[in-house]
Amino acid sequence: MKRLLVKWAPLAAAVACTLGLATAVRAQDGPGTKVVLGMSGWTGFAPLTLADKAGIFKKNGLDVEIKLIPQKDRHFALASKSIQCAATTVETHVAWNANGVPIVQIFQTDKSYGADGLAVRDGIKGFADLRGKTIGVDAPGTALTSAWPGC
């Protein structure tokens, strides 16, 4: 039972925060407020897609459009005001803010407990086998590149 609660806690938190955001936006701007959300297809952002598909945003007065934008480009979309929200990792938010994109983090969608993975080709059996190999990542400074220095 405890394991099940830990597994679903991030989804419940994301939906609760989304409902809180929706209520605040509805009270401020009225029903049907248009919000464009930039995110990637990373599984940690799945609660946002679920909230959209389940009609939770609409039920709470938001007209949310989800745009799939690579992490390396989301800060440009925020700075240009082509999106109002961006789903990103905490260290990326800090880097964007430090580089002049005036944004505020409003909630955490999930928390990693080591469930991230690395897909490799045949012949790679451990970290030592990665030495000298090329690893595909989104962009310098993203969560993936900061997790694999020296490879």
N, C-alpha and C. Protein backbone atom coordinates (compact mmCIF):
# COMPACT_ATOMS: atom_id res chain seq x y z
N MET A 1 0.82 -1.19 0.00
CA MET A 1 0.00 0.00 0.00
C MET A 1 0.87 1.26 0.00
N LYS A 2 1.90 1.27 0.87
CA LYS A 2 2.80 2.43 0.94
C LYS A 2 3.49 2.66 -0.40
N ARG A 3 3.91 1.57 -1.05
CA ARG A 3 4.58 1.68 -2.35
C ARG A 3 3.65 2.28 -3.40
N LEU A 4 2.39 1.88 -3.37
CA LEU A 4 1.39 2.42 -4.30
C LEU A 4 1.20 3.91 -4.08
N LEU A 5 1.17 4.35 -2.81
CA LEU A 5 1.02 5.77 -2.51
C LEU A 5 2.21 6.57 -3.03
N VAL A 6 3.42 6.05 -2.85
CA VAL A 6 4.62 6.74 -3.33
C VAL A 6 4.58 6.83 -4.85
N LYS A 7 4.11 5.79 -5.51
CA LYS A 7 4.06 5.76 -6.98
C LYS A 7 3.10 6.82 -7.53
N TRP A 8 1.95 7.01 -6.89
CA TRP A 8 0.92 7.92 -7.42
C TRP A 8 0.97 9.30 -6.80
N ALA A 9 1.78 9.51 -5.78
CA ALA A 9 1.85 10.82 -5.12
C ALA A 9 2.23 11.95 -6.06
N PRO A 10 3.23 11.78 -6.97
CA PRO A 10 3.56 12.88 -7.87
C PRO A 10 2.40 13.27 -8.79
N LEU A 11 1.66 12.29 -9.29
CA LEU A 11 0.51 12.59 -10.15
C LEU A 11 -0.54 13.36 -9.37
N ALA A 12 -0.84 12.90 -8.16
CA ALA A 12 -1.84 13.58 -7.34
C ALA A 12 -1.41 15.02 -7.03
N ALA A 13 -0.12 15.21 -6.74
CA ALA A 13 0.38 16.55 -6.44
C ALA A 13 0.27 17.45 -7.67
N ALA A 14 0.62 16.92 -8.84
CA ALA A 14 0.56 17.72 -10.07
C ALA A 14 -0.88 18.13 -10.38
N VAL A 15 -1.81 17.20 -10.23
CA VAL A 15 -3.22 17.52 -10.50
C VAL A 15 -3.72 18.54 -9.49
N ALA A 16 -3.36 18.38 -8.21
CA ALA A 16 -3.79 19.34 -7.19
C ALA A 16 -3.24 20.73 -7.48
N CYS A 17 -1.96 20.80 -7.86
CA CYS A 17 -1.36 22.10 -8.18
C CYS A 17 -2.00 22.70 -9.42
N THR A 18 -2.29 21.85 -10.40
CA THR A 18 -2.95 22.33 -11.62
C THR A 18 -4.31 22.91 -11.29
N LEU A 19 -5.06 22.22 -10.42
CA LEU A 19 -6.36 22.74 -10.01
C LEU A 19 -6.22 24.07 -9.28
N GLY A 20 -5.21 24.18 -8.44
CA GLY A 20 -4.95 25.44 -7.74
C GLY A 20 -4.62 26.55 -8.71
N LEU A 21 -3.79 26.26 -9.70
CA LEU A 21 -3.44 27.24 -10.73
C LEU A 21 -4.68 27.63 -11.51
N ALA A 22 -5.48 26.66 -11.87
CA ALA A 22 -6.69 26.95 -12.65
C ALA A 22 -7.64 27.85 -11.88
N THR A 23 -7.81 27.58 -10.60
CA THR A 23 -8.69 28.41 -9.78
C THR A 23 -8.17 29.83 -9.70
N ALA A 24 -6.87 29.99 -9.50
CA ALA A 24 -6.28 31.33 -9.43
C ALA A 24 -6.44 32.07 -10.75
N VAL A 25 -6.22 31.38 -11.86
CA VAL A 25 -6.35 32.02 -13.16
C VAL A 25 -7.80 32.38 -13.43
N ARG A 26 -8.74 31.49 -13.10
CA ARG A 26 -10.15 31.78 -13.34
C ARG A 26 -10.58 32.99 -12.54
N ALA A 27 -10.16 33.05 -11.28
CA ALA A 27 -10.55 34.18 -10.44
C ALA A 27 -9.97 35.49 -10.97
N GLN A 28 -8.80 35.42 -11.57
CA GLN A 28 -8.13 36.63 -12.04
C GLN A 28 -8.64 37.05 -13.42
N ASP A 29 -8.77 36.13 -14.32
CA ASP A 29 -9.04 36.47 -15.72
C ASP A 29 -10.39 35.98 -16.25
N GLY A 30 -11.14 35.24 -15.48
CA GLY A 30 -12.42 34.73 -15.94
C GLY A 30 -12.28 33.37 -16.60
N PRO A 31 -13.42 32.70 -16.84
CA PRO A 31 -13.39 31.36 -17.42
C PRO A 31 -12.88 31.36 -18.85
N GLY A 32 -12.31 30.24 -19.25
CA GLY A 32 -11.85 30.10 -20.62
C GLY A 32 -10.51 30.77 -20.89
N THR A 33 -9.74 31.05 -19.87
CA THR A 33 -8.45 31.71 -20.03
C THR A 33 -7.52 30.85 -20.88
N LYS A 34 -6.97 31.43 -21.93
CA LYS A 34 -6.06 30.73 -22.84
C LYS A 34 -4.66 30.70 -22.25
N VAL A 35 -4.07 29.51 -22.16
CA VAL A 35 -2.71 29.33 -21.66
C VAL A 35 -1.99 28.39 -22.62
N VAL A 36 -0.82 28.80 -23.11
CA VAL A 36 -0.01 27.94 -23.96
C VAL A 36 1.14 27.41 -23.10
N LEU A 37 1.23 26.09 -23.03
CA LEU A 37 2.22 25.41 -22.19
C LEU A 37 3.24 24.72 -23.08
N GLY A 38 4.51 25.08 -22.92
CA GLY A 38 5.59 24.43 -23.67
C GLY A 38 6.21 23.33 -22.84
N MET A 39 6.37 22.16 -23.43
CA MET A 39 6.99 21.04 -22.73
C MET A 39 7.54 20.04 -23.73
N SER A 40 8.29 19.08 -23.24
CA SER A 40 8.78 18.00 -24.08
C SER A 40 7.95 16.76 -23.81
N GLY A 41 8.27 15.69 -24.46
CA GLY A 41 7.56 14.43 -24.26
C GLY A 41 8.10 13.62 -23.10
N TRP A 42 8.93 14.24 -22.23
CA TRP A 42 9.50 13.53 -21.09
C TRP A 42 8.39 12.99 -20.20
N THR A 43 8.52 11.76 -19.73
CA THR A 43 7.46 11.11 -18.96
C THR A 43 7.12 11.84 -17.66
N GLY A 44 8.06 12.61 -17.12
CA GLY A 44 7.78 13.36 -15.90
C GLY A 44 6.71 14.43 -16.10
N PHE A 45 6.47 14.82 -17.35
CA PHE A 45 5.45 15.82 -17.64
C PHE A 45 4.10 15.18 -17.99
N ALA A 46 4.01 13.86 -17.91
CA ALA A 46 2.78 13.15 -18.25
C ALA A 46 1.55 13.64 -17.48
N PRO A 47 1.66 14.03 -16.20
CA PRO A 47 0.47 14.52 -15.51
C PRO A 47 -0.16 15.75 -16.19
N LEU A 48 0.64 16.56 -16.84
CA LEU A 48 0.09 17.72 -17.55
C LEU A 48 -0.71 17.28 -18.77
N THR A 49 -0.19 16.31 -19.50
CA THR A 49 -0.92 15.76 -20.65
C THR A 49 -2.19 15.07 -20.17
N LEU A 50 -2.08 14.33 -19.07
CA LEU A 50 -3.25 13.64 -18.51
C LEU A 50 -4.31 14.66 -18.10
N ALA A 51 -3.91 15.74 -17.44
CA ALA A 51 -4.87 16.77 -17.04
C ALA A 51 -5.58 17.36 -18.25
N ASP A 52 -4.84 17.53 -19.35
CA ASP A 52 -5.43 18.05 -20.59
C ASP A 52 -6.42 17.05 -21.17
N LYS A 53 -5.98 15.80 -21.34
CA LYS A 53 -6.82 14.76 -21.96
C LYS A 53 -8.05 14.44 -21.11
N ALA A 54 -7.91 14.52 -19.78
CA ALA A 54 -9.03 14.22 -18.88
C ALA A 54 -9.99 15.39 -18.72
N GLY A 55 -9.67 16.54 -19.32
CA GLY A 55 -10.55 17.70 -19.24
C GLY A 55 -10.46 18.48 -17.94
N ILE A 56 -9.42 18.22 -17.15
CA ILE A 56 -9.28 18.90 -15.86
C ILE A 56 -9.04 20.39 -16.05
N PHE A 57 -8.21 20.75 -17.03
CA PHE A 57 -7.97 22.17 -17.29
C PHE A 57 -9.28 22.86 -17.67
N LYS A 58 -9.96 22.29 -18.64
CA LYS A 58 -11.20 22.89 -19.15
C LYS A 58 -12.24 23.02 -18.04
N LYS A 59 -12.38 21.97 -17.23
CA LYS A 59 -13.33 21.96 -16.12
C LYS A 59 -13.06 23.10 -15.15
N ASN A 60 -11.81 23.53 -15.06
CA ASN A 60 -11.41 24.58 -14.13
C ASN A 60 -11.16 25.92 -14.82
N GLY A 61 -11.71 26.08 -16.01
CA GLY A 61 -11.69 27.39 -16.65
C GLY A 61 -10.46 27.73 -17.47
N LEU A 62 -9.66 26.73 -17.82
CA LEU A 62 -8.48 26.99 -18.64
C LEU A 62 -8.62 26.36 -20.02
N ASP A 63 -8.23 27.10 -21.01
CA ASP A 63 -8.13 26.60 -22.37
C ASP A 63 -6.64 26.41 -22.64
N VAL A 64 -6.12 25.21 -22.34
CA VAL A 64 -4.69 24.94 -22.41
C VAL A 64 -4.32 24.34 -23.76
N GLU A 65 -3.33 24.95 -24.38
CA GLU A 65 -2.74 24.40 -25.60
C GLU A 65 -1.34 23.93 -25.24
N ILE A 66 -1.07 22.64 -25.45
CA ILE A 66 0.25 22.10 -25.16
C ILE A 66 1.07 22.08 -26.44
N LYS A 67 2.24 22.71 -26.38
CA LYS A 67 3.17 22.71 -27.52
C LYS A 67 4.41 21.92 -27.12
N LEU A 68 4.78 20.95 -27.95
CA LEU A 68 6.00 20.20 -27.69
C LEU A 68 7.18 21.01 -28.23
N ILE A 69 8.02 21.47 -27.31
CA ILE A 69 9.16 22.32 -27.63
C ILE A 69 10.38 21.73 -26.94
N PRO A 70 11.48 21.51 -27.67
CA PRO A 70 12.69 20.98 -27.02
C PRO A 70 13.15 21.89 -25.89
N GLN A 71 13.75 21.29 -24.87
CA GLN A 71 14.20 22.05 -23.70
C GLN A 71 15.11 23.21 -24.10
N LYS A 72 15.98 23.00 -25.07
CA LYS A 72 16.92 24.04 -25.46
C LYS A 72 16.24 25.27 -26.07
N ASP A 73 14.97 25.16 -26.45
CA ASP A 73 14.25 26.26 -27.08
C ASP A 73 13.13 26.85 -26.22
N ARG A 74 12.77 26.19 -25.12
CA ARG A 74 11.63 26.66 -24.33
C ARG A 74 11.85 28.03 -23.71
N HIS A 75 13.08 28.35 -23.30
CA HIS A 75 13.31 29.67 -22.70
C HIS A 75 13.14 30.78 -23.74
N PHE A 76 13.44 30.49 -25.01
CA PHE A 76 13.20 31.49 -26.07
C PHE A 76 11.69 31.72 -26.23
N ALA A 77 10.92 30.64 -26.17
CA ALA A 77 9.47 30.76 -26.30
C ALA A 77 8.88 31.55 -25.13
N LEU A 78 9.41 31.34 -23.93
CA LEU A 78 8.97 32.12 -22.76
C LEU A 78 9.34 33.59 -22.92
N ALA A 79 10.59 33.83 -23.27
CA ALA A 79 11.07 35.22 -23.39
C ALA A 79 10.30 35.98 -24.47
N SER A 80 9.91 35.31 -25.55
CA SER A 80 9.18 35.97 -26.64
C SER A 80 7.68 36.04 -26.37
N LYS A 81 7.26 35.44 -25.25
CA LYS A 81 5.85 35.41 -24.85
C LYS A 81 4.96 34.60 -25.80
N SER A 82 5.56 33.66 -26.56
CA SER A 82 4.73 32.79 -27.40
C SER A 82 4.14 31.65 -26.57
N ILE A 83 4.66 31.43 -25.36
CA ILE A 83 4.05 30.52 -24.39
C ILE A 83 3.99 31.24 -23.05
N GLN A 84 3.04 30.84 -22.22
CA GLN A 84 2.92 31.46 -20.89
C GLN A 84 3.51 30.59 -19.80
N CYS A 85 3.65 29.30 -20.06
CA CYS A 85 4.18 28.36 -19.08
C CYS A 85 5.15 27.41 -19.77
N ALA A 86 6.11 26.93 -19.01
CA ALA A 86 7.04 25.93 -19.53
C ALA A 86 7.29 24.88 -18.46
N ALA A 87 7.10 23.64 -18.82
CA ALA A 87 7.43 22.55 -17.91
C ALA A 87 8.92 22.28 -18.11
N THR A 88 9.66 22.27 -17.00
CA THR A 88 11.10 22.05 -17.08
C THR A 88 11.60 21.54 -15.74
N THR A 89 12.85 21.16 -15.71
CA THR A 89 13.46 20.70 -14.48
C THR A 89 13.92 21.90 -13.66
N VAL A 90 14.09 21.70 -12.36
CA VAL A 90 14.42 22.80 -11.46
C VAL A 90 15.74 23.46 -11.85
N GLU A 91 16.78 22.66 -12.15
CA GLU A 91 18.07 23.29 -12.46
C GLU A 91 18.00 24.08 -13.78
N THR A 92 17.14 23.67 -14.69
CA THR A 92 16.97 24.43 -15.93
C THR A 92 16.27 25.75 -15.64
N HIS A 93 15.26 25.73 -14.77
CA HIS A 93 14.58 26.96 -14.37
C HIS A 93 15.58 27.95 -13.77
N VAL A 94 16.45 27.47 -12.90
CA VAL A 94 17.45 28.32 -12.27
C VAL A 94 18.37 28.93 -13.34
N ALA A 95 18.81 28.11 -14.29
CA ALA A 95 19.70 28.60 -15.36
C ALA A 95 19.00 29.64 -16.22
N TRP A 96 17.74 29.42 -16.57
CA TRP A 96 17.00 30.40 -17.37
C TRP A 96 16.91 31.72 -16.63
N ASN A 97 16.55 31.67 -15.35
CA ASN A 97 16.43 32.88 -14.54
C ASN A 97 17.77 33.61 -14.47
N ALA A 98 18.84 32.86 -14.26
CA ALA A 98 20.17 33.46 -14.16
C ALA A 98 20.61 34.11 -15.47
N ASN A 99 20.03 33.67 -16.57
CA ASN A 99 20.38 34.21 -17.88
C ASN A 99 19.37 35.23 -18.39
N GLY A 100 18.56 35.78 -17.48
CA GLY A 100 17.71 36.91 -17.85
C GLY A 100 16.30 36.61 -18.30
N VAL A 101 15.83 35.36 -18.17
CA VAL A 101 14.44 35.08 -18.50
C VAL A 101 13.66 35.20 -17.19
N PRO A 102 12.87 36.29 -17.04
CA PRO A 102 12.19 36.55 -15.77
C PRO A 102 10.98 35.63 -15.59
N ILE A 103 11.18 34.52 -14.90
CA ILE A 103 10.11 33.53 -14.71
C ILE A 103 10.01 33.16 -13.24
N VAL A 104 8.89 32.56 -12.88
CA VAL A 104 8.63 32.11 -11.53
C VAL A 104 8.21 30.65 -11.59
N GLN A 105 8.80 29.82 -10.73
CA GLN A 105 8.40 28.42 -10.64
C GLN A 105 7.20 28.34 -9.71
N ILE A 106 6.10 27.69 -10.17
CA ILE A 106 4.89 27.66 -9.35
C ILE A 106 4.64 26.31 -8.69
N PHE A 107 5.14 25.21 -9.25
CA PHE A 107 5.02 23.92 -8.58
C PHE A 107 5.95 22.90 -9.20
N GLN A 108 6.17 21.82 -8.45
CA GLN A 108 7.02 20.72 -8.90
C GLN A 108 6.10 19.61 -9.38
N THR A 109 6.31 19.12 -10.59
CA THR A 109 5.43 18.08 -11.14
C THR A 109 5.79 16.69 -10.69
N ASP A 110 7.06 16.44 -10.41
CA ASP A 110 7.45 15.11 -9.97
C ASP A 110 8.77 15.20 -9.23
N LYS A 111 9.20 14.07 -8.72
CA LYS A 111 10.47 14.00 -8.02
C LYS A 111 11.13 12.69 -8.43
N SER A 112 12.37 12.77 -8.84
CA SER A 112 13.05 11.57 -9.29
C SER A 112 13.58 10.78 -8.10
N TYR A 113 13.32 9.51 -8.14
CA TYR A 113 13.88 8.58 -7.16
C TYR A 113 14.80 7.59 -7.85
N GLY A 114 15.46 8.06 -8.91
CA GLY A 114 16.39 7.20 -9.61
C GLY A 114 15.76 6.38 -10.71
N ALA A 115 14.59 6.78 -11.18
CA ALA A 115 13.91 6.01 -12.21
C ALA A 115 14.38 6.38 -13.62
N ASP A 116 15.26 7.36 -13.71
CA ASP A 116 15.78 7.73 -15.02
C ASP A 116 16.65 6.60 -15.55
N GLY A 117 16.76 6.52 -16.86
CA GLY A 117 17.53 5.43 -17.44
C GLY A 117 18.39 5.88 -18.59
N LEU A 118 19.20 4.99 -19.07
CA LEU A 118 20.08 5.25 -20.20
C LEU A 118 19.94 4.07 -21.14
N ALA A 119 19.49 4.32 -22.35
CA ALA A 119 19.35 3.26 -23.35
C ALA A 119 20.67 3.13 -24.10
N VAL A 120 21.17 1.91 -24.25
CA VAL A 120 22.47 1.69 -24.90
C VAL A 120 22.37 0.59 -25.95
N ARG A 121 23.37 0.55 -26.81
CA ARG A 121 23.45 -0.48 -27.84
C ARG A 121 24.04 -1.76 -27.24
N ASP A 122 23.91 -2.85 -28.00
CA ASP A 122 24.51 -4.11 -27.58
C ASP A 122 25.99 -3.91 -27.32
N GLY A 123 26.52 -4.62 -26.35
CA GLY A 123 27.93 -4.54 -26.05
C GLY A 123 28.25 -3.60 -24.90
N ILE A 124 27.31 -2.77 -24.50
CA ILE A 124 27.52 -1.88 -23.35
C ILE A 124 26.92 -2.58 -22.14
N LYS A 125 27.77 -2.95 -21.21
CA LYS A 125 27.32 -3.70 -20.02
C LYS A 125 27.36 -2.87 -18.75
N GLY A 126 28.07 -1.73 -18.77
CA GLY A 126 28.17 -0.89 -17.58
C GLY A 126 28.78 0.45 -17.93
N PHE A 127 28.93 1.31 -16.93
CA PHE A 127 29.46 2.65 -17.15
C PHE A 127 30.85 2.66 -17.74
N ALA A 128 31.67 1.71 -17.34
CA ALA A 128 33.05 1.65 -17.86
C ALA A 128 33.06 1.49 -19.38
N ASP A 129 32.06 0.82 -19.92
CA ASP A 129 31.98 0.60 -21.37
C ASP A 129 31.61 1.88 -22.13
N LEU A 130 31.20 2.92 -21.43
CA LEU A 130 30.82 4.18 -22.08
C LEU A 130 32.01 5.10 -22.34
N ARG A 131 33.13 4.84 -21.68
CA ARG A 131 34.29 5.71 -21.85
C ARG A 131 34.67 5.80 -23.32
N GLY A 132 34.78 7.07 -23.80
CA GLY A 132 35.15 7.32 -25.18
C GLY A 132 33.99 7.26 -26.17
N LYS A 133 32.80 6.93 -25.69
CA LYS A 133 31.63 6.84 -26.57
C LYS A 133 30.90 8.18 -26.59
N THR A 134 30.03 8.37 -27.57
CA THR A 134 29.21 9.58 -27.68
C THR A 134 27.83 9.26 -27.10
N ILE A 135 27.33 10.19 -26.27
CA ILE A 135 26.01 10.03 -25.67
C ILE A 135 25.12 11.13 -26.21
N GLY A 136 23.96 10.78 -26.74
CA GLY A 136 23.02 11.76 -27.28
C GLY A 136 22.26 12.45 -26.16
N VAL A 137 22.25 13.78 -26.18
CA VAL A 137 21.56 14.58 -25.18
C VAL A 137 20.80 15.70 -25.87
N ASP A 138 19.93 16.36 -25.11
CA ASP A 138 19.12 17.45 -25.65
C ASP A 138 19.95 18.69 -25.94
N ALA A 139 20.70 19.16 -24.95
CA ALA A 139 21.50 20.38 -25.13
C ALA A 139 22.46 20.51 -23.95
N PRO A 140 23.55 21.23 -24.14
CA PRO A 140 24.47 21.45 -23.02
C PRO A 140 23.76 22.12 -21.85
N GLY A 141 24.04 21.63 -20.63
CA GLY A 141 23.45 22.22 -19.44
C GLY A 141 22.10 21.65 -19.06
N THR A 142 21.56 20.72 -19.85
CA THR A 142 20.28 20.12 -19.50
C THR A 142 20.49 19.03 -18.46
N ALA A 143 19.40 18.52 -17.93
CA ALA A 143 19.50 17.49 -16.89
C ALA A 143 20.30 16.29 -17.38
N LEU A 144 20.17 15.93 -18.63
CA LEU A 144 20.90 14.77 -19.14
C LEU A 144 22.39 15.02 -19.19
N THR A 145 22.81 16.18 -19.68
CA THR A 145 24.24 16.42 -19.78
C THR A 145 24.87 16.60 -18.41
N SER A 146 24.15 17.20 -17.48
CA SER A 146 24.74 17.39 -16.16
C SER A 146 24.82 16.07 -15.40
N ALA A 147 24.03 15.07 -15.83
CA ALA A 147 24.06 13.79 -15.15
C ALA A 147 25.18 12.89 -15.64
N TRP A 148 25.80 13.22 -16.76
CA TRP A 148 26.79 12.32 -17.35
C TRP A 148 28.10 13.02 -17.67
N PRO A 149 28.68 13.77 -16.74
CA PRO A 149 29.95 14.43 -17.05
C PRO A 149 31.08 13.41 -17.21
N GLY A 150 31.98 13.69 -18.10
CA GLY A 150 33.17 12.86 -18.25
C GLY A 150 32.99 11.63 -19.08
N CYS A 151 31.83 11.37 -19.59
CA CYS A 151 31.65 10.18 -20.43
C CYS A 151 32.10 10.44 -21.84
